[in-house]
Amino acid sequence: FGAEYVEAALAAQGRRLLVVDPAGVDDDLVGDVTEILTSLCVRLYGRRVAADRVRRAVEAVTGGPV
């Protein structure tokens, strides 16, 4: 899953991708990408929730929309 992109990026720097267990590459990459996306989504939605809470608090104090 996307290994060719990693390989191309490394090749551009004069490096190469060494695959020790070809059967495990897809599972590992999918797992890693899933973890990265999950982390980014948590940060994004966490910030959005925090921003909504701040907005509601400011509206409550000022008595109107921000």
Protein backbone atom coordinates (compact mmCIF):
# COMPACT_ATOMS: atom_id res chain seq x y z
CA PHE A 1 0.00 0.00 0.00
CA GLY A 2 1.96 3.02 -1.25
CA ALA A 3 5.34 1.28 -1.07
CA GLU A 4 6.16 2.53 -4.56
CA TYR A 5 5.92 6.13 -3.31
CA VAL A 6 8.31 5.45 -0.46
CA GLU A 7 10.64 3.67 -2.85
CA ALA A 8 10.54 6.59 -5.32
CA ALA A 9 11.23 9.13 -2.57
CA LEU A 10 14.18 7.13 -1.34
CA ALA A 11 15.50 6.64 -4.90
CA ALA A 12 15.44 10.41 -5.41
CA GLN A 13 17.87 10.68 -2.50
CA GLY A 14 20.09 7.89 -3.79
CA ARG A 15 18.73 5.38 -1.30
CA ARG A 16 16.81 2.17 -1.71
CA LEU A 17 14.05 0.32 0.08
CA LEU A 18 15.09 -3.07 1.41
CA VAL A 19 12.16 -5.41 2.01
CA VAL A 20 13.00 -8.20 4.43
CA ASP A 21 9.62 -9.98 4.36
CA PRO A 22 7.64 -9.07 1.21
CA ALA A 23 4.44 -10.63 2.61
CA GLY A 24 4.47 -8.29 5.60
CA VAL A 25 4.99 -5.02 3.72
CA ASP A 26 1.35 -4.42 2.86
CA ASP A 27 0.07 -5.18 6.35
CA ASP A 28 2.72 -3.04 8.04
CA LEU A 29 2.24 -0.07 5.73
CA VAL A 30 -1.54 -0.22 5.99
CA GLY A 31 -1.28 -0.38 9.77
CA ASP A 32 1.17 2.53 9.89
CA VAL A 33 -0.93 4.71 7.58
CA THR A 34 -4.04 3.89 9.59
CA GLU A 35 -2.31 4.90 12.81
CA ILE A 36 -1.06 8.16 11.29
CA LEU A 37 -4.50 9.05 9.92
CA THR A 38 -6.13 8.17 13.23
CA SER A 39 -3.68 10.41 15.08
CA LEU A 40 -4.28 13.29 12.67
CA CYS A 41 -8.06 12.89 12.89
CA VAL A 42 -7.96 12.88 16.68
CA ARG A 43 -5.97 16.10 16.63
CA LEU A 44 -8.26 17.69 14.05
CA TYR A 45 -11.51 16.74 15.71
CA GLY A 46 -10.09 17.42 19.15
CA ARG A 47 -9.24 20.97 18.11
CA ARG A 48 -12.64 21.39 16.50
CA VAL A 49 -14.39 20.33 19.71
CA ALA A 50 -12.17 22.67 21.70
CA ALA A 51 -12.92 25.54 19.30
CA ASP A 52 -16.67 24.86 19.59
CA ARG A 53 -16.44 24.88 23.38
CA VAL A 54 -14.55 28.17 23.35
CA ARG A 55 -17.09 29.69 20.96
CA ARG A 56 -20.00 28.57 23.14
CA ALA A 57 -18.29 29.90 26.26
CA VAL A 58 -17.67 33.28 24.63
CA GLU A 59 -21.29 33.40 23.42
CA ALA A 60 -22.51 32.59 26.93
CA VAL A 61 -20.42 35.37 28.44
CA THR A 62 -21.14 38.00 25.81
CA GLY A 63 -24.78 37.03 25.27
CA GLY A 64 -24.53 36.66 21.51
CA PRO A 65 -22.76 34.97 18.61
CA VAL A 66 -19.09 35.65 18.07
